[in-house]
Amino acid sequence: MLTIHGMSDSGNCYKPRLLMALLGRPFRHVEVSSLDGGTKQPAFLAANPNGKVPLLELEDGCTLPESNAILCYLGDGTRFVPDDRFARAQMLGWMFFEQYSHEPQVAVRRSLLVYPQMRAAATPQRLADTLAGGHKALAVMEQRLSGAQWLVGDAPSLADIALYAYTHRAGEGGFELADYPGIRAWLARIEGLSDYRPISWLPGA
């Protein structure tokens, strides 16, 4: 059985769990936290020298880090990856956007405000910068979603899963979504998918 090592309340770790739920595939969850030093233990570093979660462990013992790489591996050949070559490239474009423009702002600002271990880094300047950067990223999404149901094509893809993870928790980072009706409608569509599970869900729970 596949194993996902990760933090249960991390958006990046939620991405592969959500995809597996939507696909109806069984997996095992092993809780590993970056906040208590769990990702810096020798056994974990042997599997991922970068010391970060999530980490996918295959049945043969091979391991794969990075949330969006894990999504691509798990989603290959499923309905969440477009058949069209250009649409697949668009999907990847949104996934790169998530990691380079969205997550460093929306997710980081949430972490600064939610986790006590991060409070020392929550300077007024950094909070202001991530707030501005997060709204810029959300505006890019809103531009697309104000006229489309999904980020790519006419069906949900890995791009939607990748960007849903932290967007639906943006309020915890101080981002008010009232001015983003397209995003709010998109969040509701994802939550209406068959076999959708919230971030609190873990297999066997």
C-alpha atoms as a PDB file:
ATOM      1  CA  MET A   1       0.000   0.000   0.000  1.00  0.00           C
ATOM      2  CA  LEU A   2       1.133   3.541  -0.724  1.00  0.00           C
ATOM      3  CA  THR A   3       2.188   5.610   2.281  1.00  0.00           C
ATOM      4  CA  ILE A   4       2.035   9.394   2.572  1.00  0.00           C
ATOM      5  CA  HIS A   5       4.285  10.888   5.255  1.00  0.00           C
ATOM      6  CA  GLY A   6       3.131  14.345   6.248  1.00  0.00           C
ATOM      7  CA  MET A   7       1.526  16.861   8.591  1.00  0.00           C
ATOM      8  CA  SER A   8      -2.219  16.435   8.848  1.00  0.00           C
ATOM      9  CA  ASP A   9      -2.919  20.201   8.849  1.00  0.00           C
ATOM     10  CA  SER A  10      -0.461  21.137   6.074  1.00  0.00           C
ATOM     11  CA  GLY A  11      -1.959  22.194   2.755  1.00  0.00           C
ATOM     12  CA  ASN A  12       0.927  20.692   0.817  1.00  0.00           C
ATOM     13  CA  CYS A  13       0.391  17.370   2.595  1.00  0.00           C
ATOM     14  CA  TYR A  14      -3.358  17.583   2.033  1.00  0.00           C
ATOM     15  CA  LYS A  15      -2.980  17.707  -1.752  1.00  0.00           C
ATOM     16  CA  PRO A  16      -2.062  14.024  -2.257  1.00  0.00           C
ATOM     17  CA  ARG A  17      -4.551  12.893   0.418  1.00  0.00           C
ATOM     18  CA  LEU A  18      -7.351  14.746  -1.358  1.00  0.00           C
ATOM     19  CA  LEU A  19      -6.386  13.303  -4.738  1.00  0.00           C
ATOM     20  CA  MET A  20      -6.279   9.766  -3.335  1.00  0.00           C
ATOM     21  CA  ALA A  21      -9.730  10.275  -1.777  1.00  0.00           C
ATOM     22  CA  LEU A  22     -11.159  11.571  -5.073  1.00  0.00           C
ATOM     23  CA  LEU A  23      -9.678   8.560  -6.883  1.00  0.00           C
ATOM     24  CA  GLY A  24     -10.911   6.124  -4.264  1.00  0.00           C
ATOM     25  CA  ARG A  25      -7.426   4.702  -3.755  1.00  0.00           C
ATOM     26  CA  PRO A  26      -6.384   3.313  -0.362  1.00  0.00           C
ATOM     27  CA  PHE A  27      -3.241   4.601   1.318  1.00  0.00           C
ATOM     28  CA  ARG A  28      -1.610   4.848   4.702  1.00  0.00           C
ATOM     29  CA  HIS A  29      -0.864   8.146   6.466  1.00  0.00           C
ATOM     30  CA  VAL A  30       2.167   8.533   8.730  1.00  0.00           C
ATOM     31  CA  GLU A  31       2.250  11.751  10.733  1.00  0.00           C
ATOM     32  CA  VAL A  32       5.591  13.558  10.464  1.00  0.00           C
ATOM     33  CA  SER A  33       5.910  17.205  11.498  1.00  0.00           C
ATOM     34  CA  SER A  34       8.423  19.822  10.497  1.00  0.00           C
ATOM     35  CA  LEU A  35       7.503  21.763  13.635  1.00  0.00           C
ATOM     36  CA  ASP A  36       8.760  19.224  16.180  1.00  0.00           C
ATOM     37  CA  GLY A  37      11.924  18.143  14.389  1.00  0.00           C
ATOM     38  CA  GLY A  38      10.404  14.995  12.896  1.00  0.00           C
ATOM     39  CA  THR A  39      11.581  15.813   9.385  1.00  0.00           C
ATOM     40  CA  LYS A  40      15.151  16.261  10.628  1.00  0.00           C
ATOM     41  CA  GLN A  41      15.494  12.781  12.063  1.00  0.00           C
ATOM     42  CA  PRO A  42      18.115  10.568  10.361  1.00  0.00           C
ATOM     43  CA  ALA A  43      15.566   8.005   9.135  1.00  0.00           C
ATOM     44  CA  PHE A  44      13.469  10.682   7.432  1.00  0.00           C
ATOM     45  CA  LEU A  45      16.483  12.507   5.991  1.00  0.00           C
ATOM     46  CA  ALA A  46      17.638   9.240   4.469  1.00  0.00           C
ATOM     47  CA  ALA A  47      14.389   9.186   2.487  1.00  0.00           C
ATOM     48  CA  ASN A  48      14.300  12.927   1.754  1.00  0.00           C
ATOM     49  CA  PRO A  49      17.563  14.823   2.343  1.00  0.00           C
ATOM     50  CA  ASN A  50      15.635  18.094   1.942  1.00  0.00           C
ATOM     51  CA  GLY A  51      13.845  17.338   5.208  1.00  0.00           C
ATOM     52  CA  LYS A  52      10.349  18.326   4.124  1.00  0.00           C
ATOM     53  CA  VAL A  53       6.908  16.779   3.884  1.00  0.00           C
ATOM     54  CA  PRO A  54       4.934  15.412   2.156  1.00  0.00           C
ATOM     55  CA  LEU A  55       6.838  12.329   1.129  1.00  0.00           C
ATOM     56  CA  LEU A  56       5.277   9.503  -0.868  1.00  0.00           C
ATOM     57  CA  GLU A  57       6.556   6.007  -0.148  1.00  0.00           C
ATOM     58  CA  LEU A  58       5.815   3.376  -2.791  1.00  0.00           C
ATOM     59  CA  GLU A  59       5.230  -0.313  -2.168  1.00  0.00           C
ATOM     60  CA  ASP A  60       8.774  -1.118  -3.323  1.00  0.00           C
ATOM     61  CA  GLY A  61      10.313   1.372  -0.883  1.00  0.00           C
ATOM     62  CA  CYS A  62      11.050   4.111  -3.425  1.00  0.00           C
ATOM     63  CA  THR A  63      10.245   7.590  -2.147  1.00  0.00           C
ATOM     64  CA  LEU A  64       9.098  10.747  -3.896  1.00  0.00           C
ATOM     65  CA  PRO A  65       9.150  14.233  -2.282  1.00  0.00           C
ATOM     66  CA  GLU A  66       7.470  17.507  -3.322  1.00  0.00           C
ATOM     67  CA  SER A  67       3.690  17.785  -3.232  1.00  0.00           C
ATOM     68  CA  ASN A  68       3.114  18.634  -6.880  1.00  0.00           C
ATOM     69  CA  ALA A  69       5.499  15.935  -8.107  1.00  0.00           C
ATOM     70  CA  ILE A  70       3.495  13.492  -5.980  1.00  0.00           C
ATOM     71  CA  LEU A  71       0.269  14.772  -7.555  1.00  0.00           C
ATOM     72  CA  CYS A  72       1.705  14.192 -11.035  1.00  0.00           C
ATOM     73  CA  TYR A  73       2.768  10.665 -10.139  1.00  0.00           C
ATOM     74  CA  LEU A  74      -0.548   9.722  -8.528  1.00  0.00           C
ATOM     75  CA  GLY A  75      -2.642  11.508 -11.151  1.00  0.00           C
ATOM     76  CA  ASP A  76      -0.932  10.081 -14.217  1.00  0.00           C
ATOM     77  CA  GLY A  77      -3.499   8.369 -16.423  1.00  0.00           C
ATOM     78  CA  THR A  78      -6.484   9.575 -14.385  1.00  0.00           C
ATOM     79  CA  ARG A  79      -9.310  12.002 -15.170  1.00  0.00           C
ATOM     80  CA  PHE A  80      -7.417  14.736 -13.340  1.00  0.00           C
ATOM     81  CA  VAL A  81      -4.782  15.010 -16.081  1.00  0.00           C
ATOM     82  CA  PRO A  82      -6.022  16.343 -19.449  1.00  0.00           C
ATOM     83  CA  ASP A  83      -5.473  14.208 -22.535  1.00  0.00           C
ATOM     84  CA  ASP A  84      -4.667  17.245 -24.666  1.00  0.00           C
ATOM     85  CA  ARG A  85      -0.964  18.129 -24.693  1.00  0.00           C
ATOM     86  CA  PHE A  86      -1.489  21.887 -24.465  1.00  0.00           C
ATOM     87  CA  ALA A  87      -4.044  21.541 -21.679  1.00  0.00           C
ATOM     88  CA  ARG A  88      -1.571  19.405 -19.729  1.00  0.00           C
ATOM     89  CA  ALA A  89       1.022  22.155 -20.106  1.00  0.00           C
ATOM     90  CA  GLN A  90      -1.542  24.701 -18.876  1.00  0.00           C
ATOM     91  CA  MET A  91      -2.214  22.485 -15.862  1.00  0.00           C
ATOM     92  CA  LEU A  92       1.485  22.376 -15.074  1.00  0.00           C
ATOM     93  CA  GLY A  93       1.667  26.139 -15.512  1.00  0.00           C
ATOM     94  CA  TRP A  94      -0.917  26.613 -12.766  1.00  0.00           C
ATOM     95  CA  MET A  95       0.920  24.127 -10.559  1.00  0.00           C
ATOM     96  CA  PHE A  96       4.176  26.064 -11.008  1.00  0.00           C
ATOM     97  CA  PHE A  97       2.235  29.262 -10.246  1.00  0.00           C
ATOM     98  CA  GLU A  98       0.967  27.641  -7.042  1.00  0.00           C
ATOM     99  CA  GLN A  99       4.470  26.885  -5.800  1.00  0.00           C
ATOM    100  CA  TYR A 100       6.179  30.092  -6.924  1.00  0.00           C
ATOM    101  CA  SER A 101       3.505  32.801  -6.628  1.00  0.00           C
ATOM    102  CA  HIS A 102       0.704  31.513  -4.391  1.00  0.00           C
ATOM    103  CA  GLU A 103       2.144  29.207  -1.713  1.00  0.00           C
ATOM    104  CA  PRO A 104       5.047  31.532  -0.717  1.00  0.00           C
ATOM    105  CA  GLN A 105       2.487  34.244   0.042  1.00  0.00           C
ATOM    106  CA  VAL A 106      -0.855  32.714   1.060  1.00  0.00           C
ATOM    107  CA  ALA A 107       0.499  29.612   2.806  1.00  0.00           C
ATOM    108  CA  VAL A 108       3.466  31.352   4.400  1.00  0.00           C
ATOM    109  CA  ARG A 109       1.331  34.155   5.830  1.00  0.00           C
ATOM    110  CA  ARG A 110      -1.020  31.550   7.311  1.00  0.00           C
ATOM    111  CA  SER A 111       1.939  29.737   8.880  1.00  0.00           C
ATOM    112  CA  LEU A 112       3.269  32.965  10.366  1.00  0.00           C
ATOM    113  CA  LEU A 113      -0.068  33.608  12.049  1.00  0.00           C
ATOM    114  CA  VAL A 114      -1.122  30.061  12.987  1.00  0.00           C
ATOM    115  CA  TYR A 115       2.012  28.339  14.275  1.00  0.00           C
ATOM    116  CA  PRO A 116       3.592  29.668  17.484  1.00  0.00           C
ATOM    117  CA  GLN A 117       6.968  28.400  16.250  1.00  0.00           C
ATOM    118  CA  MET A 118       6.761  30.897  13.390  1.00  0.00           C
ATOM    119  CA  ARG A 119       5.802  33.986  15.383  1.00  0.00           C
ATOM    120  CA  ALA A 120       9.359  35.319  15.606  1.00  0.00           C
ATOM    121  CA  ALA A 121       9.467  35.543  11.813  1.00  0.00           C
ATOM    122  CA  ALA A 122       6.101  37.335  11.624  1.00  0.00           C
ATOM    123  CA  THR A 123       7.529  40.841  11.374  1.00  0.00           C
ATOM    124  CA  PRO A 124       5.185  43.668  10.306  1.00  0.00           C
ATOM    125  CA  GLN A 125       7.090  43.998   7.025  1.00  0.00           C
ATOM    126  CA  ARG A 126       6.870  40.311   6.192  1.00  0.00           C
ATOM    127  CA  LEU A 127       3.190  40.198   7.037  1.00  0.00           C
ATOM    128  CA  ALA A 128       2.566  43.220   4.826  1.00  0.00           C
ATOM    129  CA  ASP A 129       4.603  41.776   1.967  1.00  0.00           C
ATOM    130  CA  THR A 130       2.902  38.377   2.061  1.00  0.00           C
ATOM    131  CA  LEU A 131      -0.530  40.013   2.301  1.00  0.00           C
ATOM    132  CA  ALA A 132       0.146  42.053  -0.832  1.00  0.00           C
ATOM    133  CA  GLY A 133       1.699  39.121  -2.654  1.00  0.00           C
ATOM    134  CA  GLY A 134      -1.146  36.818  -1.679  1.00  0.00           C
ATOM    135  CA  HIS A 135      -3.790  39.209  -2.971  1.00  0.00           C
ATOM    136  CA  LYS A 136      -1.868  39.511  -6.226  1.00  0.00           C
ATOM    137  CA  ALA A 137      -1.916  35.728  -6.634  1.00  0.00           C
ATOM    138  CA  LEU A 138      -5.599  35.503  -5.720  1.00  0.00           C
ATOM    139  CA  ALA A 139      -6.389  38.195  -8.287  1.00  0.00           C
ATOM    140  CA  VAL A 140      -4.731  36.106 -11.003  1.00  0.00           C
ATOM    141  CA  MET A 141      -6.912  33.145 -10.028  1.00  0.00           C
ATOM    142  CA  GLU A 142     -10.021  35.316  -9.882  1.00  0.00           C
ATOM    143  CA  GLN A 143      -9.382  36.580 -13.405  1.00  0.00           C
ATOM    144  CA  ARG A 144      -9.558  32.995 -14.686  1.00  0.00           C
ATOM    145  CA  LEU A 145     -12.316  31.722 -12.407  1.00  0.00           C
ATOM    146  CA  SER A 146     -14.638  34.683 -12.915  1.00  0.00           C
ATOM    147  CA  GLY A 147     -15.329  33.285 -16.380  1.00  0.00           C
ATOM    148  CA  ALA A 148     -14.560  29.573 -16.038  1.00  0.00           C
ATOM    149  CA  GLN A 149     -15.519  26.742 -13.704  1.00  0.00           C
ATOM    150  CA  TRP A 150     -12.051  25.209 -13.540  1.00  0.00           C
ATOM    151  CA  LEU A 151      -8.486  26.410 -13.930  1.00  0.00           C
ATOM    152  CA  VAL A 152      -7.947  24.341 -17.082  1.00  0.00           C
ATOM    153  CA  GLY A 153     -10.581  23.237 -19.557  1.00  0.00           C
ATOM    154  CA  ASP A 154     -14.039  22.157 -18.486  1.00  0.00           C
ATOM    155  CA  ALA A 155     -13.156  19.599 -15.797  1.00  0.00           C
ATOM    156  CA  PRO A 156     -11.160  19.584 -12.537  1.00  0.00           C
ATOM    157  CA  SER A 157      -7.474  18.799 -12.873  1.00  0.00           C
ATOM    158  CA  LEU A 158      -4.411  18.492 -10.670  1.00  0.00           C
ATOM    159  CA  ALA A 159      -4.112  22.274 -10.906  1.00  0.00           C
ATOM    160  CA  ASP A 160      -7.397  22.705  -9.046  1.00  0.00           C
ATOM    161  CA  ILE A 161      -6.318  20.273  -6.328  1.00  0.00           C
ATOM    162  CA  ALA A 162      -2.930  21.990  -5.947  1.00  0.00           C
ATOM    163  CA  LEU A 163      -4.412  25.465  -5.595  1.00  0.00           C
ATOM    164  CA  TYR A 164      -7.419  24.446  -3.525  1.00  0.00           C
ATOM    165  CA  ALA A 165      -5.240  23.220  -0.651  1.00  0.00           C
ATOM    166  CA  TYR A 166      -4.137  26.615   0.635  1.00  0.00           C
ATOM    167  CA  THR A 167      -6.767  28.824  -1.022  1.00  0.00           C
ATOM    168  CA  HIS A 168      -9.565  27.281   1.030  1.00  0.00           C
ATOM    169  CA  ARG A 169      -7.623  28.164   4.201  1.00  0.00           C
ATOM    170  CA  ALA A 170      -6.634  31.647   3.077  1.00  0.00           C
ATOM    171  CA  GLY A 171      -8.855  33.195   5.726  1.00  0.00           C
ATOM    172  CA  GLU A 172      -6.544  31.820   8.419  1.00  0.00           C
ATOM    173  CA  GLY A 173      -3.835  33.964   6.867  1.00  0.00           C
ATOM    174  CA  GLY A 174      -5.956  37.093   6.949  1.00  0.00           C
ATOM    175  CA  PHE A 175      -7.095  36.967   3.317  1.00  0.00           C
ATOM    176  CA  GLU A 176     -10.721  38.017   2.952  1.00  0.00           C
ATOM    177  CA  LEU A 177     -12.268  36.176  -0.004  1.00  0.00           C
ATOM    178  CA  ALA A 178     -15.433  38.295  -0.185  1.00  0.00           C
ATOM    179  CA  ASP A 179     -13.950  40.226  -3.099  1.00  0.00           C
ATOM    180  CA  TYR A 180     -13.250  37.020  -5.038  1.00  0.00           C
ATOM    181  CA  PRO A 181     -16.643  35.568  -6.045  1.00  0.00           C
ATOM    182  CA  GLY A 182     -15.127  33.418  -8.773  1.00  0.00           C
ATOM    183  CA  ILE A 183     -12.768  31.788  -6.294  1.00  0.00           C
ATOM    184  CA  ARG A 184     -15.537  31.237  -3.743  1.00  0.00           C
ATOM    185  CA  ALA A 185     -17.746  29.530  -6.344  1.00  0.00           C
ATOM    186  CA  TRP A 186     -14.775  27.373  -7.433  1.00  0.00           C
ATOM    187  CA  LEU A 187     -14.103  26.324  -3.840  1.00  0.00           C
ATOM    188  CA  ALA A 188     -17.720  25.210  -3.545  1.00  0.00           C
ATOM    189  CA  ARG A 189     -17.470  23.192  -6.762  1.00  0.00           C
ATOM    190  CA  ILE A 190     -14.437  21.326  -5.482  1.00  0.00           C
ATOM    191  CA  GLU A 191     -16.140  20.639  -2.166  1.00  0.00           C
ATOM    192  CA  GLY A 192     -19.111  19.288  -4.118  1.00  0.00           C
ATOM    193  CA  LEU A 193     -17.053  16.660  -5.955  1.00  0.00           C
ATOM    194  CA  SER A 194     -17.930  13.051  -5.251  1.00  0.00           C
ATOM    195  CA  ASP A 195     -15.596  11.556  -2.605  1.00  0.00           C
ATOM    196  CA  TYR A 196     -14.281  14.981  -1.570  1.00  0.00           C
ATOM    197  CA  ARG A 197     -12.737  14.911   1.902  1.00  0.00           C
ATOM    198  CA  PRO A 198     -11.782  17.915   4.089  1.00  0.00           C
ATOM    199  CA  ILE A 199      -8.254  18.558   5.277  1.00  0.00           C
ATOM    200  CA  SER A 200      -9.082  17.062   8.683  1.00  0.00           C
ATOM    201  CA  TRP A 201      -9.775  13.662   7.097  1.00  0.00           C
ATOM    202  CA  LEU A 202      -7.264  10.866   7.464  1.00  0.00           C
ATOM    203  CA  PRO A 203      -7.653   7.283   6.190  1.00  0.00           C
ATOM    204  CA  GLY A 204      -9.147   5.033   8.819  1.00  0.00           C
ATOM    205  CA  ALA A 205     -10.437   7.978  10.858  1.00  0.00           C
END
